[in-house]
Every structure is written in C-alpha cells, then in structure tokens.
C-alpha cells in the first residue's frame, strides 16, 4: 500500500496528462466542421474537466494531509 506522499507524484502526472488531453480535444473541436462531432468532443471535454476538478481537489487534500 502506498503512502499519501508516494501517491502525490502519480496524481500530478495524471493531472498533467488529463490537462493535455483536454487541450488536444479543444484544438480538435476548433477544427471540426461537423456539428455532431463538435458536440461529442464538447461532451468529452466537459467530462474531462470534471475529472480534472476532482483530481485537483484530491491532490490538494493529499498535499495538505502530507504537510500536516
């Protein structure tokens, strides 16, 4: 079992990947001519944003817990 301190770098890496994926999808959406595909991309971006928000909150809590 990992300690909170050991989990923090993994959460940071995951957060970086999620943010990058969100930016990639936003760029893809800008160039997409089809409304239906843009809509699907928007739904994916919104879902990723929700995941990013919850991961940021968890990371914040873990860092506070670690620094005590």
Protein backbone atom coordinates (compact mmCIF):
# COMPACT_ATOMS: atom_id res chain seq x y z
CA UNK A 1 0.00 0.00 0.00
CA UNK A 2 1.31 3.44 -0.94
CA UNK A 3 1.56 6.30 1.48
CA UNK A 4 -0.05 9.64 0.66
CA UNK A 5 3.39 11.09 -0.01
CA UNK A 6 4.09 8.33 -2.55
CA UNK A 7 0.77 8.92 -4.31
CA UNK A 8 1.22 12.66 -4.87
CA UNK A 9 3.66 12.43 -7.84
CA UNK A 10 1.39 9.91 -9.58
CA UNK A 11 -1.62 12.21 -9.15
CA UNK A 12 0.41 15.14 -10.52
CA UNK A 13 1.45 13.13 -13.60
CA UNK A 14 -2.13 12.02 -14.19
CA UNK A 15 -3.33 15.58 -13.85
CA UNK A 16 -0.78 16.78 -16.41
CA UNK A 17 -1.93 14.08 -18.85
CA UNK A 18 -5.59 14.93 -18.32
CA UNK A 19 -4.96 18.63 -18.88
CA UNK A 20 -3.00 17.91 -22.06
CA UNK A 21 -5.74 15.62 -23.37
CA UNK A 22 -8.33 18.32 -22.69
CA UNK A 23 -6.28 20.87 -24.64
CA UNK A 24 -5.89 18.39 -27.51
CA UNK A 25 -9.64 17.83 -27.64
CA UNK A 26 -10.30 21.59 -27.57
CA UNK A 27 -7.95 22.06 -30.54
CA UNK A 28 -9.57 19.16 -32.37
CA UNK A 29 -13.01 20.67 -31.74
CA UNK A 30 -11.96 24.04 -33.18
CA UNK A 31 -11.04 22.42 -36.46
CA UNK A 32 -14.01 20.07 -36.71
CA UNK A 33 -16.57 21.13 -39.35
CA UNK A 34 -19.29 18.70 -38.24
CA UNK A 35 -21.65 19.95 -35.55
CA UNK A 36 -22.32 16.42 -34.30
CA UNK A 37 -18.62 15.68 -33.85
CA UNK A 38 -18.03 19.05 -32.19
CA UNK A 39 -20.85 18.28 -29.79
CA UNK A 40 -19.36 14.87 -28.92
CA UNK A 41 -15.98 16.49 -28.39
CA UNK A 42 -17.60 19.09 -26.14
CA UNK A 43 -19.17 16.34 -24.03
CA UNK A 44 -15.77 14.66 -23.70
CA UNK A 45 -14.12 17.97 -22.75
CA UNK A 46 -16.76 18.55 -20.07
CA UNK A 47 -16.26 15.07 -18.65
CA UNK A 48 -12.50 15.56 -18.59
CA UNK A 49 -12.95 18.92 -16.86
CA UNK A 50 -14.98 17.20 -14.16
CA UNK A 51 -12.27 14.57 -13.70
CA UNK A 52 -9.59 17.27 -13.62
CA UNK A 53 -11.51 19.23 -10.98
CA UNK A 54 -11.93 16.20 -8.72
CA UNK A 55 -8.29 15.18 -9.19
CA UNK A 56 -7.14 18.70 -8.32
CA UNK A 57 -9.27 18.65 -5.17
CA UNK A 58 -7.93 15.23 -4.17
CA UNK A 59 -4.35 16.34 -4.81
CA UNK A 60 -4.89 19.48 -2.75
CA UNK A 61 -6.24 17.43 0.15
CA UNK A 62 -3.40 14.92 -0.08
CA UNK A 63 -0.78 17.66 -0.05
CA UNK A 64 -2.38 19.29 2.99
CA UNK A 65 -2.54 15.93 4.75
CA UNK A 66 1.11 15.25 3.92
CA UNK A 67 2.25 18.64 5.22
CA UNK A 68 0.01 18.28 8.18
